[in-house]
Full PDB file with SEQRES, HELIX, SHEET, SSBOND, CRYST1, ORIGX, SCALE, CONECT and MASTER records, all heavy atoms in Angstrom:
SEQRES   1 A   43  GLU LYS PRO GLN THR GLU VAL GLU LYS TRP GLU ALA GLN          
SEQRES   2 A   43  ALA GLU ASN ILE THR ILE ILE ARG ASP ASP PHE GLY VAL          
SEQRES   3 A   43  PRO HIS ILE TYR GLY LYS THR ASP ALA ASP ALA VAL PHE          
SEQRES   4 A   43  GLY LEU LEU TYR                                              
HELIX    1 AA1 GLU A    6  ALA A   14  1                                   9    
HELIX    2 AA2 ASP A   34  LEU A   42  1                                   9    
SHEET    1 AA1 2 ILE A  17  ARG A  21  0                                        
SHEET    2 AA1 2 PRO A  27  GLY A  31 -1                                        
CRYST1    1.000    1.000    1.000  90.00  90.00  90.00 P 1           1          
ORIGX1      1.000000  0.000000  0.000000        0.00000                         
ORIGX2      0.000000  1.000000  0.000000        0.00000                         
ORIGX3      0.000000  0.000000  1.000000        0.00000                         
SCALE1      1.000000  0.000000  0.000000        0.00000                         
SCALE2      0.000000  1.000000  0.000000        0.00000                         
SCALE3      0.000000  0.000000  1.000000        0.00000                         
ATOM      1  N   GLU A   1     116.433 113.399  49.123  1.00  0.00           N  
ATOM      2  CA  GLU A   1     116.228 113.248  50.555  1.00  0.00           C  
ATOM      3  C   GLU A   1     116.032 111.779  50.898  1.00  0.00           C  
ATOM      4  O   GLU A   1     115.396 111.048  50.157  1.00  0.00           O  
ATOM      5  CB  GLU A   1     115.000 114.005  50.989  1.00  0.00           C  
ATOM      6  CG  GLU A   1     115.108 115.506  50.843  1.00  0.00           C  
ATOM      7  CD  GLU A   1     113.889 116.248  51.322  1.00  0.00           C  
ATOM      8  OE1 GLU A   1     113.085 115.588  52.054  1.00  0.00           O  
ATOM      9  OE2 GLU A   1     113.710 117.385  51.005  1.00  0.00           O  
ATOM     10  N   LYS A   2     116.618 111.372  51.967  1.00  0.00           N  
ATOM     11  CA  LYS A   2     116.433 109.992  52.483  1.00  0.00           C  
ATOM     12  C   LYS A   2     115.457 109.982  53.582  1.00  0.00           C  
ATOM     13  O   LYS A   2     115.378 110.932  54.370  1.00  0.00           O  
ATOM     14  CB  LYS A   2     117.818 109.476  52.969  1.00  0.00           C  
ATOM     15  CG  LYS A   2     118.830 109.272  51.896  1.00  0.00           C  
ATOM     16  CD  LYS A   2     120.094 108.698  52.474  1.00  0.00           C  
ATOM     17  CE  LYS A   2     121.151 108.509  51.397  1.00  0.00           C  
ATOM     18  NZ  LYS A   2     122.429 107.928  51.937  1.00  0.00           N  
ATOM     19  N   PRO A   3     114.607 108.902  53.709  1.00  0.00           N  
ATOM     20  CA  PRO A   3     113.662 108.808  54.837  1.00  0.00           C  
ATOM     21  C   PRO A   3     114.457 108.847  56.141  1.00  0.00           C  
ATOM     22  O   PRO A   3     115.555 108.317  56.260  1.00  0.00           O  
ATOM     23  CB  PRO A   3     112.992 107.456  54.633  1.00  0.00           C  
ATOM     24  CG  PRO A   3     113.198 107.151  53.178  1.00  0.00           C  
ATOM     25  CD  PRO A   3     114.535 107.788  52.784  1.00  0.00           C  
ATOM     26  N   GLN A   4     113.892 109.509  57.100  1.00  0.00           N  
ATOM     27  CA  GLN A   4     114.515 109.617  58.426  1.00  0.00           C  
ATOM     28  C   GLN A   4     114.561 108.275  59.086  1.00  0.00           C  
ATOM     29  O   GLN A   4     113.555 107.556  59.120  1.00  0.00           O  
ATOM     30  CB  GLN A   4     113.724 110.578  59.295  1.00  0.00           C  
ATOM     31  CG  GLN A   4     114.426 111.026  60.562  1.00  0.00           C  
ATOM     32  CD  GLN A   4     113.618 112.011  61.329  1.00  0.00           C  
ATOM     33  OE1 GLN A   4     112.423 111.914  61.470  1.00  0.00           O  
ATOM     34  NE2 GLN A   4     114.307 113.045  61.837  1.00  0.00           N  
ATOM     35  N   THR A   5     115.712 107.837  59.564  1.00  0.00           N  
ATOM     36  CA  THR A   5     115.839 106.570  60.249  1.00  0.00           C  
ATOM     37  C   THR A   5     115.210 106.695  61.639  1.00  0.00           C  
ATOM     38  O   THR A   5     114.949 107.770  62.139  1.00  0.00           O  
ATOM     39  CB  THR A   5     117.284 106.142  60.426  1.00  0.00           C  
ATOM     40  OG1 THR A   5     117.917 107.044  61.300  1.00  0.00           O  
ATOM     41  CG2 THR A   5     117.991 106.109  59.064  1.00  0.00           C  
ATOM     42  N   GLU A   6     114.948 105.581  62.262  1.00  0.00           N  
ATOM     43  CA  GLU A   6     114.366 105.515  63.582  1.00  0.00           C  
ATOM     44  C   GLU A   6     115.246 106.277  64.578  1.00  0.00           C  
ATOM     45  O   GLU A   6     114.771 107.063  65.389  1.00  0.00           O  
ATOM     46  CB  GLU A   6     114.166 104.064  64.027  1.00  0.00           C  
ATOM     47  CG  GLU A   6     113.347 103.903  65.287  1.00  0.00           C  
ATOM     48  CD  GLU A   6     113.006 102.438  65.537  1.00  0.00           C  
ATOM     49  OE1 GLU A   6     113.927 101.609  65.452  1.00  0.00           O  
ATOM     50  OE2 GLU A   6     111.858 102.129  65.848  1.00  0.00           O  
ATOM     51  N   VAL A   7     116.576 106.045  64.504  1.00  0.00           N  
ATOM     52  CA  VAL A   7     117.459 106.703  65.437  1.00  0.00           C  
ATOM     53  C   VAL A   7     117.497 108.222  65.190  1.00  0.00           C  
ATOM     54  O   VAL A   7     117.459 109.023  66.143  1.00  0.00           O  
ATOM     55  CB  VAL A   7     118.894 106.152  65.305  1.00  0.00           C  
ATOM     56  CG1 VAL A   7     119.880 106.933  66.146  1.00  0.00           C  
ATOM     57  CG2 VAL A   7     118.893 104.674  65.734  1.00  0.00           C  
ATOM     58  N   GLU A   8     117.469 108.634  63.926  1.00  0.00           N  
ATOM     59  CA  GLU A   8     117.460 110.071  63.589  1.00  0.00           C  
ATOM     60  C   GLU A   8     116.145 110.695  64.141  1.00  0.00           C  
ATOM     61  O   GLU A   8     116.163 111.820  64.629  1.00  0.00           O  
ATOM     62  CB  GLU A   8     117.579 110.256  62.110  1.00  0.00           C  
ATOM     63  CG  GLU A   8     118.964 109.971  61.569  1.00  0.00           C  
ATOM     64  CD  GLU A   8     119.008 109.932  60.067  1.00  0.00           C  
ATOM     65  OE1 GLU A   8     117.927 109.782  59.392  1.00  0.00           O  
ATOM     66  OE2 GLU A   8     120.097 110.151  59.491  1.00  0.00           O  
ATOM     67  N   LYS A   9     115.080 109.991  64.047  1.00  0.00           N  
ATOM     68  CA  LYS A   9     113.805 110.481  64.587  1.00  0.00           C  
ATOM     69  C   LYS A   9     113.874 110.665  66.088  1.00  0.00           C  
ATOM     70  O   LYS A   9     113.454 111.695  66.634  1.00  0.00           O  
ATOM     71  CB  LYS A   9     112.666 109.514  64.243  1.00  0.00           C  
ATOM     72  CG  LYS A   9     111.320 109.816  64.820  1.00  0.00           C  
ATOM     73  CD  LYS A   9     110.280 108.845  64.379  1.00  0.00           C  
ATOM     74  CE  LYS A   9     108.922 109.017  65.042  1.00  0.00           C  
ATOM     75  NZ  LYS A   9     108.948 108.670  66.459  1.00  0.00           N  
ATOM     76  N   TRP A  10     114.457 109.704  66.815  1.00  0.00           N  
ATOM     77  CA  TRP A  10     114.634 109.807  68.228  1.00  0.00           C  
ATOM     78  C   TRP A  10     115.526 111.011  68.549  1.00  0.00           C  
ATOM     79  O   TRP A  10     115.220 111.785  69.462  1.00  0.00           O  
ATOM     80  CB  TRP A  10     115.270 108.545  68.807  1.00  0.00           C  
ATOM     81  CG  TRP A  10     114.451 107.313  68.673  1.00  0.00           C  
ATOM     82  CD1 TRP A  10     113.110 107.235  68.543  1.00  0.00           C  
ATOM     83  CD2 TRP A  10     114.918 105.972  68.729  1.00  0.00           C  
ATOM     84  NE1 TRP A  10     112.712 105.924  68.460  1.00  0.00           N  
ATOM     85  CE2 TRP A  10     113.789 105.113  68.596  1.00  0.00           C  
ATOM     86  CE3 TRP A  10     116.157 105.372  68.823  1.00  0.00           C  
ATOM     87  CZ2 TRP A  10     113.901 103.712  68.589  1.00  0.00           C  
ATOM     88  CZ3 TRP A  10     116.287 104.001  68.823  1.00  0.00           C  
ATOM     89  CH2 TRP A  10     115.145 103.172  68.689  1.00  0.00           C  
ATOM     90  N   GLU A  11     116.596 111.114  67.856  1.00  0.00           N  
ATOM     91  CA  GLU A  11     117.584 112.233  68.119  1.00  0.00           C  
ATOM     92  C   GLU A  11     116.931 113.578  67.882  1.00  0.00           C  
ATOM     93  O   GLU A  11     117.156 114.513  68.666  1.00  0.00           O  
ATOM     94  CB  GLU A  11     118.827 112.040  67.292  1.00  0.00           C  
ATOM     95  CG  GLU A  11     119.658 110.859  67.689  1.00  0.00           C  
ATOM     96  CD  GLU A  11     120.806 110.541  66.728  1.00  0.00           C  
ATOM     97  OE1 GLU A  11     120.755 110.996  65.573  1.00  0.00           O  
ATOM     98  OE2 GLU A  11     121.775 109.880  67.139  1.00  0.00           O  
ATOM     99  N   ALA A  12     116.140 113.676  66.864  1.00  0.00           N  
ATOM    100  CA  ALA A  12     115.439 114.956  66.584  1.00  0.00           C  
ATOM    101  C   ALA A  12     114.444 115.259  67.688  1.00  0.00           C  
ATOM    102  O   ALA A  12     114.343 116.427  68.094  1.00  0.00           O  
ATOM    103  CB  ALA A  12     114.739 114.840  65.240  1.00  0.00           C  
ATOM    104  N   GLN A  13     113.720 114.290  68.172  1.00  0.00           N  
ATOM    105  CA  GLN A  13     112.748 114.568  69.227  1.00  0.00           C  
ATOM    106  C   GLN A  13     113.470 114.935  70.546  1.00  0.00           C  
ATOM    107  O   GLN A  13     112.975 115.792  71.260  1.00  0.00           O  
ATOM    108  CB  GLN A  13     111.841 113.388  69.442  1.00  0.00           C  
ATOM    109  CG  GLN A  13     110.667 113.670  70.383  1.00  0.00           C  
ATOM    110  CD  GLN A  13     109.496 112.708  70.247  1.00  0.00           C  
ATOM    111  OE1 GLN A  13     109.657 111.624  69.681  1.00  0.00           O  
ATOM    112  NE2 GLN A  13     108.347 113.081  70.761  1.00  0.00           N  
ATOM    113  N   ALA A  14     114.577 114.266  70.795  1.00  0.00           N  
ATOM    114  CA  ALA A  14     115.334 114.567  72.023  1.00  0.00           C  
ATOM    115  C   ALA A  14     115.774 116.030  72.077  1.00  0.00           C  
ATOM    116  O   ALA A  14     115.926 116.571  73.170  1.00  0.00           O  
ATOM    117  CB  ALA A  14     116.540 113.640  72.118  1.00  0.00           C  
ATOM    118  N   GLU A  15     115.994 116.659  70.931  1.00  0.00           N  
ATOM    119  CA  GLU A  15     116.372 118.071  70.896  1.00  0.00           C  
ATOM    120  C   GLU A  15     115.270 118.972  71.476  1.00  0.00           C  
ATOM    121  O   GLU A  15     115.558 120.117  71.832  1.00  0.00           O  
ATOM    122  CB  GLU A  15     116.742 118.449  69.460  1.00  0.00           C  
ATOM    123  CG  GLU A  15     118.060 117.927  68.966  1.00  0.00           C  
ATOM    124  CD  GLU A  15     119.223 118.417  69.835  1.00  0.00           C  
ATOM    125  OE1 GLU A  15     119.295 119.632  70.090  1.00  0.00           O  
ATOM    126  OE2 GLU A  15     119.977 117.563  70.289  1.00  0.00           O  
ATOM    127  N   ASN A  16     114.018 118.518  71.462  1.00  0.00           N  
ATOM    128  CA  ASN A  16     112.894 119.299  71.963  1.00  0.00           C  
ATOM    129  C   ASN A  16     112.722 119.173  73.495  1.00  0.00           C  
ATOM    130  O   ASN A  16     111.753 119.710  73.982  1.00  0.00           O  
ATOM    131  CB  ASN A  16     111.616 118.881  71.288  1.00  0.00           C  
ATOM    132  CG  ASN A  16     111.646 119.116  69.788  1.00  0.00           C  
ATOM    133  OD1 ASN A  16     112.287 120.027  69.312  1.00  0.00           O  
ATOM    134  ND2 ASN A  16     110.915 118.281  69.028  1.00  0.00           N  
ATOM    135  N   ILE A  17     113.604 118.408  74.122  1.00  0.00           N  
ATOM    136  CA  ILE A  17     113.365 118.035  75.523  1.00  0.00           C  
ATOM    137  C   ILE A  17     114.542 118.466  76.417  1.00  0.00           C  
ATOM    138  O   ILE A  17     115.709 118.315  75.987  1.00  0.00           O  
ATOM    139  CB  ILE A  17     113.177 116.517  75.634  1.00  0.00           C  
ATOM    140  CG1 ILE A  17     112.010 116.051  74.760  1.00  0.00           C  
ATOM    141  CG2 ILE A  17     112.961 116.050  77.088  1.00  0.00           C  
ATOM    142  CD1 ILE A  17     112.053 114.576  74.402  1.00  0.00           C  
ATOM    143  N   THR A  18     114.256 118.962  77.546  1.00  0.00           N  
ATOM    144  CA  THR A  18     115.260 119.238  78.553  1.00  0.00           C  
ATOM    145  C   THR A  18     114.908 118.515  79.865  1.00  0.00           C  
ATOM    146  O   THR A  18     113.773 118.628  80.286  1.00  0.00           O  
ATOM    147  CB  THR A  18     115.407 120.751  78.803  1.00  0.00           C  
ATOM    148  OG1 THR A  18     115.796 121.394  77.634  1.00  0.00           O  
ATOM    149  CG2 THR A  18     116.451 121.034  79.902  1.00  0.00           C  
ATOM    150  N   ILE A  19     115.845 117.834  80.465  1.00  0.00           N  
ATOM    151  CA  ILE A  19     115.648 117.192  81.768  1.00  0.00           C  
ATOM    152  C   ILE A  19     116.563 117.872  82.767  1.00  0.00           C  
ATOM    153  O   ILE A  19     117.761 118.002  82.565  1.00  0.00           O  
ATOM    154  CB  ILE A  19     115.997 115.684  81.692  1.00  0.00           C  
ATOM    155  CG1 ILE A  19     115.131 114.952  80.662  1.00  0.00           C  
ATOM    156  CG2 ILE A  19     115.786 115.036  83.097  1.00  0.00           C  
ATOM    157  CD1 ILE A  19     115.468 113.530  80.428  1.00  0.00           C  
ATOM    158  N   ILE A  20     115.946 118.373  83.837  1.00  0.00           N  
ATOM    159  CA  ILE A  20     116.692 118.962  84.946  1.00  0.00           C  
ATOM    160  C   ILE A  20     116.556 118.082  86.166  1.00  0.00           C  
ATOM    161  O   ILE A  20     115.417 117.809  86.599  1.00  0.00           O  
ATOM    162  CB  ILE A  20     116.195 120.371  85.236  1.00  0.00           C  
ATOM    163  CG1 ILE A  20     116.300 121.240  83.987  1.00  0.00           C  
ATOM    164  CG2 ILE A  20     117.007 120.999  86.384  1.00  0.00           C  
ATOM    165  CD1 ILE A  20     115.679 122.675  84.171  1.00  0.00           C  
ATOM    166  N   ARG A  21     117.636 117.619  86.679  1.00  0.00           N  
ATOM    167  CA  ARG A  21     117.638 116.812  87.907  1.00  0.00           C  
ATOM    168  C   ARG A  21     117.936 117.729  89.089  1.00  0.00           C  
ATOM    169  O   ARG A  21     118.941 118.452  89.074  1.00  0.00           O  
ATOM    170  CB  ARG A  21     118.667 115.692  87.869  1.00  0.00           C  
ATOM    171  CG  ARG A  21     118.439 114.667  86.790  1.00  0.00           C  
ATOM    172  CD  ARG A  21     117.542 113.590  87.290  1.00  0.00           C  
ATOM    173  NE  ARG A  21     117.322 112.532  86.296  1.00  0.00           N  
ATOM    174  CZ  ARG A  21     116.623 111.405  86.492  1.00  0.00           C  
ATOM    175  NH1 ARG A  21     116.070 111.229  87.692  1.00  0.00           N  
ATOM    176  NH2 ARG A  21     116.482 110.537  85.555  1.00  0.00           N  
ATOM    177  N   ASP A  22     117.048 117.687  90.109  1.00  0.00           N  
ATOM    178  CA  ASP A  22     117.298 118.561  91.276  1.00  0.00           C  
ATOM    179  C   ASP A  22     118.146 117.854  92.268  1.00  0.00           C  
ATOM    180  O   ASP A  22     118.715 116.802  92.001  1.00  0.00           O  
ATOM    181  CB  ASP A  22     115.957 119.040  91.852  1.00  0.00           C  
ATOM    182  CG  ASP A  22     115.116 117.986  92.512  1.00  0.00           C  
ATOM    183  OD1 ASP A  22     115.655 116.907  92.869  1.00  0.00           O  
ATOM    184  OD2 ASP A  22     113.895 118.171  92.658  1.00  0.00           O  
ATOM    185  N   ASP A  23     118.292 118.463  93.450  1.00  0.00           N  
ATOM    186  CA  ASP A  23     119.225 117.968  94.469  1.00  0.00           C  
ATOM    187  C   ASP A  23     118.849 116.642  95.066  1.00  0.00           C  
ATOM    188  O   ASP A  23     119.621 116.020  95.802  1.00  0.00           O  
ATOM    189  CB  ASP A  23     119.475 119.013  95.565  1.00  0.00           C  
ATOM    190  CG  ASP A  23     118.189 119.657  96.032  1.00  0.00           C  
ATOM    191  OD1 ASP A  23     117.125 119.541  95.359  1.00  0.00           O  
ATOM    192  OD2 ASP A  23     118.190 120.302  97.079  1.00  0.00           O  
ATOM    193  N   PHE A  24     117.602 116.190  94.817  1.00  0.00           N  
ATOM    194  CA  PHE A  24     117.177 114.842  95.279  1.00  0.00           C  
ATOM    195  C   PHE A  24     117.038 113.892  94.061  1.00  0.00           C  
ATOM    196  O   PHE A  24     116.485 112.807  94.237  1.00  0.00           O  
ATOM    197  CB  PHE A  24     115.902 114.902  96.104  1.00  0.00           C  
ATOM    198  CG  PHE A  24     116.111 115.495  97.474  1.00  0.00           C  
ATOM    199  CD1 PHE A  24     115.902 116.875  97.698  1.00  0.00           C  
ATOM    200  CD2 PHE A  24     116.548 114.708  98.505  1.00  0.00           C  
ATOM    201  CE1 PHE A  24     116.126 117.397  98.943  1.00  0.00           C  
ATOM    202  CE2 PHE A  24     116.761 115.239  99.765  1.00  0.00           C  
ATOM    203  CZ  PHE A  24     116.563 116.609  99.975  1.00  0.00           C  
ATOM    204  N   GLY A  25     117.487 114.302  92.930  1.00  0.00           N  
ATOM    205  CA  GLY A  25     117.438 113.455  91.750  1.00  0.00           C  
ATOM    206  C   GLY A  25     116.102 113.415  91.067  1.00  0.00           C  
ATOM    207  O   GLY A  25     115.906 112.668  90.093  1.00  0.00           O  
ATOM    208  N   VAL A  26     115.127 114.249  91.540  1.00  0.00           N  
ATOM    209  CA  VAL A  26     113.835 114.284  90.917  1.00  0.00           C  
ATOM    210  C   VAL A  26     113.974 114.837  89.499  1.00  0.00           C  
ATOM    211  O   VAL A  26     114.525 115.910  89.318  1.00  0.00           O  
ATOM    212  CB  VAL A  26     112.811 115.129  91.713  1.00  0.00           C  
ATOM    213  CG1 VAL A  26     111.474 115.232  90.978  1.00  0.00           C  
ATOM    214  CG2 VAL A  26     112.661 114.508  93.131  1.00  0.00           C  
ATOM    215  N   PRO A  27     113.472 114.149  88.482  1.00  0.00           N  
ATOM    216  CA  PRO A  27     113.556 114.682  87.119  1.00  0.00           C  
ATOM    217  C   PRO A  27     112.430 115.669  86.809  1.00  0.00           C  
ATOM    218  O   PRO A  27     111.259 115.356  87.029  1.00  0.00           O  
ATOM    219  CB  PRO A  27     113.451 113.415  86.232  1.00  0.00           C  
ATOM    220  CG  PRO A  27     112.588 112.491  87.045  1.00  0.00           C  
ATOM    221  CD  PRO A  27     112.898 112.778  88.461  1.00  0.00           C  
ATOM    222  N   HIS A  28     112.791 116.822  86.337  1.00  0.00           N  
ATOM    223  CA  HIS A  28     111.840 117.802  85.882  1.00  0.00           C  
ATOM    224  C   HIS A  28     112.008 117.799  84.333  1.00  0.00           C  
ATOM    225  O   HIS A  28     113.030 118.267  83.791  1.00  0.00           O  
ATOM    226  CB  HIS A  28     112.135 119.172  86.457  1.00  0.00           C  
ATOM    227  CG  HIS A  28     112.131 119.188  87.942  1.00  0.00           C  
ATOM    228  ND1 HIS A  28     111.100 119.628  88.730  1.00  0.00           N  
ATOM    229  CD2 HIS A  28     113.104 118.777  88.878  1.00  0.00           C  
ATOM    230  CE1 HIS A  28     111.364 119.520  90.010  1.00  0.00           C  
ATOM    231  NE2 HIS A  28     112.580 118.972  90.110  1.00  0.00           N  
ATOM    232  N   ILE A  29     110.985 117.331  83.620  1.00  0.00           N  
ATOM    233  CA  ILE A  29     111.085 117.101  82.178  1.00  0.00           C  
ATOM    234  C   ILE A  29     110.290 118.169  81.479  1.00  0.00           C  
ATOM    235  O   ILE A  29     109.119 118.369  81.740  1.00  0.00           O  
ATOM    236  CB  ILE A  29     110.496 115.711  81.813  1.00  0.00           C  
ATOM    237  CG1 ILE A  29     111.323 114.616  82.542  1.00  0.00           C  
ATOM    238  CG2 ILE A  29     110.565 115.510  80.329  1.00  0.00           C  
ATOM    239  CD1 ILE A  29     110.588 113.955  83.622  1.00  0.00           C  
ATOM    240  N   TYR A  30     110.952 118.926  80.577  1.00  0.00           N  
ATOM    241  CA  TYR A  30     110.315 119.956  79.833  1.00  0.00           C  
ATOM    242  C   TYR A  30     110.353 119.593  78.350  1.00  0.00           C  
ATOM    243  O   TYR A  30     111.416 119.333  77.781  1.00  0.00           O  
ATOM    244  CB  TYR A  30     111.056 121.276  80.036  1.00  0.00           C  
ATOM    245  CG  TYR A  30     110.970 121.754  81.474  1.00  0.00           C  
ATOM    246  CD1 TYR A  30     111.992 121.352  82.391  1.00  0.00           C  
ATOM    247  CD2 TYR A  30     110.015 122.614  81.906  1.00  0.00           C  
ATOM    248  CE1 TYR A  30     111.928 121.732  83.707  1.00  0.00           C  
ATOM    249  CE2 TYR A  30     109.994 123.047  83.228  1.00  0.00           C  
ATOM    250  CZ  TYR A  30     110.935 122.621  84.152  1.00  0.00           C  
ATOM    251  OH  TYR A  30     110.913 123.027  85.463  1.00  0.00           O  
ATOM    252  N   GLY A  31     109.187 119.632  77.680  1.00  0.00           N  
ATOM    253  CA  GLY A  31     109.100 119.336  76.250  1.00  0.00           C  
ATOM    254  C   GLY A  31     108.263 120.351  75.556  1.00  0.00           C  
ATOM    255  O   GLY A  31     107.421 120.987  76.154  1.00  0.00           O  
ATOM    256  N   LYS A  32     108.490 120.486  74.241  1.00  0.00           N  
ATOM    257  CA  LYS A  32     107.636 121.419  73.466  1.00  0.00           C  
ATOM    258  C   LYS A  32     106.222 120.926  73.391  1.00  0.00           C  
ATOM    259  O   LYS A  32     105.292 121.682  73.539  1.00  0.00           O  
ATOM    260  CB  LYS A  32     108.220 121.593  72.055  1.00  0.00           C  
ATOM    261  CG  LYS A  32     109.519 122.382  72.033  1.00  0.00           C  
ATOM    262  CD  LYS A  32     109.953 122.692  70.618  1.00  0.00           C  
ATOM    263  CE  LYS A  32     111.191 123.557  70.564  1.00  0.00           C  
ATOM    264  NZ  LYS A  32     111.654 123.863  69.229  1.00  0.00           N  
ATOM    265  N   THR A  33     106.027 119.624  73.120  1.00  0.00           N  
ATOM    266  CA  THR A  33     104.704 119.044  73.038  1.00  0.00           C  
ATOM    267  C   THR A  33     104.505 118.054  74.133  1.00  0.00           C  
ATOM    268  O   THR A  33     105.453 117.648  74.789  1.00  0.00           O  
ATOM    269  CB  THR A  33     104.523 118.349  71.664  1.00  0.00           C  
ATOM    270  OG1 THR A  33     105.400 117.230  71.599  1.00  0.00           O  
ATOM    271  CG2 THR A  33     104.800 119.287  70.505  1.00  0.00           C  
ATOM    272  N   ASP A  34     103.235 117.587  74.312  1.00  0.00           N  
ATOM    273  CA  ASP A  34     103.006 116.559  75.286  1.00  0.00           C  
ATOM    274  C   ASP A  34     103.768 115.295  74.945  1.00  0.00           C  
ATOM    275  O   ASP A  34     104.278 114.571  75.808  1.00  0.00           O  
ATOM    276  CB  ASP A  34     101.485 116.242  75.350  1.00  0.00           C  
ATOM    277  CG  ASP A  34     100.723 117.237  76.152  1.00  0.00           C  
ATOM    278  OD1 ASP A  34     101.301 118.296  76.523  1.00  0.00           O  
ATOM    279  OD2 ASP A  34      99.509 117.037  76.363  1.00  0.00           O  
ATOM    280  N   ALA A  35     103.841 114.978  73.631  1.00  0.00           N  
ATOM    281  CA  ALA A  35     104.557 113.816  73.194  1.00  0.00           C  
ATOM    282  C   ALA A  35     106.061 113.894  73.525  1.00  0.00           C  
ATOM    283  O   ALA A  35     106.677 112.913  73.938  1.00  0.00           O  
ATOM    284  CB  ALA A  35     104.373 113.566  71.686  1.00  0.00           C  
ATOM    285  N   ASP A  36     106.612 115.124  73.357  1.00  0.00           N  
ATOM    286  CA  ASP A  36     108.018 115.309  73.750  1.00  0.00           C  
ATOM    287  C   ASP A  36     108.167 115.041  75.257  1.00  0.00           C  
ATOM    288  O   ASP A  36     109.135 114.382  75.684  1.00  0.00           O  
ATOM    289  CB  ASP A  36     108.467 116.731  73.441  1.00  0.00           C  
ATOM    290  CG  ASP A  36     108.511 117.045  71.950  1.00  0.00           C  
ATOM    291  OD1 ASP A  36     108.648 116.111  71.144  1.00  0.00           O  
ATOM    292  OD2 ASP A  36     108.352 118.225  71.615  1.00  0.00           O  
ATOM    293  N   ALA A  37     107.262 115.581  76.025  1.00  0.00           N  
ATOM    294  CA  ALA A  37     107.330 115.406  77.515  1.00  0.00           C  
ATOM    295  C   ALA A  37     107.226 113.931  77.876  1.00  0.00           C  
ATOM    296  O   ALA A  37     107.934 113.483  78.785  1.00  0.00           O  
ATOM    297  CB  ALA A  37     106.248 116.194  78.168  1.00  0.00           C  
ATOM    298  N   VAL A  38     106.356 113.181  77.207  1.00  0.00           N  
ATOM    299  CA  VAL A  38     106.248 111.762  77.466  1.00  0.00           C  
ATOM    300  C   VAL A  38     107.526 111.041  77.095  1.00  0.00           C  
ATOM    301  O   VAL A  38     108.003 110.149  77.825  1.00  0.00           O  
ATOM    302  CB  VAL A  38     105.032 111.201  76.741  1.00  0.00           C  
ATOM    303  CG1 VAL A  38     105.062 109.666  76.697  1.00  0.00           C  
ATOM    304  CG2 VAL A  38     103.709 111.651  77.406  1.00  0.00           C  
ATOM    305  N   PHE A  39     108.082 111.359  75.953  1.00  0.00           N  
ATOM    306  CA  PHE A  39     109.407 110.779  75.568  1.00  0.00           C  
ATOM    307  C   PHE A  39     110.420 110.987  76.629  1.00  0.00           C  
ATOM    308  O   PHE A  39     111.093 110.020  77.065  1.00  0.00           O  
ATOM    309  CB  PHE A  39     109.797 111.416  74.248  1.00  0.00           C  
ATOM    310  CG  PHE A  39     111.098 110.910  73.603  1.00  0.00           C  
ATOM    311  CD1 PHE A  39     111.051 110.087  72.496  1.00  0.00           C  
ATOM    312  CD2 PHE A  39     112.347 111.254  74.147  1.00  0.00           C  
ATOM    313  CE1 PHE A  39     112.257 109.653  71.904  1.00  0.00           C  
ATOM    314  CE2 PHE A  39     113.501 110.823  73.587  1.00  0.00           C  
ATOM    315  CZ  PHE A  39     113.466 110.026  72.475  1.00  0.00           C  
ATOM    316  N   GLY A  40     110.538 112.241  77.085  1.00  0.00           N  
ATOM    317  CA  GLY A  40     111.558 112.516  78.134  1.00  0.00           C  
ATOM    318  C   GLY A  40     111.180 111.844  79.461  1.00  0.00           C  
ATOM    319  O   GLY A  40     112.128 111.409  80.178  1.00  0.00           O  
ATOM    320  N   LEU A  41     109.931 111.766  79.782  1.00  0.00           N  
ATOM    321  CA  LEU A  41     109.507 111.124  81.025  1.00  0.00           C  
ATOM    322  C   LEU A  41     109.941 109.673  81.067  1.00  0.00           C  
ATOM    323  O   LEU A  41     110.453 109.211  82.087  1.00  0.00           O  
ATOM    324  CB  LEU A  41     108.007 111.259  81.209  1.00  0.00           C  
ATOM    325  CG  LEU A  41     107.390 110.504  82.380  1.00  0.00           C  
ATOM    326  CD1 LEU A  41     107.942 110.985  83.738  1.00  0.00           C  
ATOM    327  CD2 LEU A  41     105.842 110.672  82.369  1.00  0.00           C  
ATOM    328  N   LEU A  42     109.670 108.976  79.987  1.00  0.00           N  
ATOM    329  CA  LEU A  42     110.024 107.551  79.928  1.00  0.00           C  
ATOM    330  C   LEU A  42     111.533 107.339  79.919  1.00  0.00           C  
ATOM    331  O   LEU A  42     112.072 106.423  80.542  1.00  0.00           O  
ATOM    332  CB  LEU A  42     109.345 106.837  78.797  1.00  0.00           C  
ATOM    333  CG  LEU A  42     107.963 106.255  79.038  1.00  0.00           C  
ATOM    334  CD1 LEU A  42     108.050 105.137  80.124  1.00  0.00           C  
ATOM    335  CD2 LEU A  42     106.947 107.287  79.464  1.00  0.00           C  
ATOM    336  N   TYR A  43     112.230 108.224  79.207  1.00  0.00           N  
ATOM    337  CA  TYR A  43     113.702 108.156  79.228  1.00  0.00           C  
ATOM    338  C   TYR A  43     114.221 108.363  80.653  1.00  0.00           C  
ATOM    339  O   TYR A  43     115.119 107.570  81.115  1.00  0.00           O  
ATOM    340  CB  TYR A  43     114.257 109.229  78.284  1.00  0.00           C  
ATOM    341  CG  TYR A  43     115.736 109.187  78.128  1.00  0.00           C  
ATOM    342  CD1 TYR A  43     116.344 108.513  77.084  1.00  0.00           C  
ATOM    343  CD2 TYR A  43     116.571 109.860  79.013  1.00  0.00           C  
ATOM    344  CE1 TYR A  43     117.722 108.491  76.899  1.00  0.00           C  
ATOM    345  CE2 TYR A  43     117.959 109.839  78.882  1.00  0.00           C  
ATOM    346  CZ  TYR A  43     118.531 109.142  77.811  1.00  0.00           C  
ATOM    347  OH  TYR A  43     119.895 109.108  77.681  1.00  0.00           O  
TER     348      TYR A  43                                                      
MASTER        0    0    0    2    2    0    0    6  347    1    0    4          
END                                                                             
């Protein structure tokens, strides 16, 4: 096994997040954990 690279870590966390943009562009960020939600919020 190889250590997970920084990019691979980001990509893995992004899989836990869904962003839904509504008709006014407001982002609704859904994550499995609070940290996932924060990752998606800043993105």
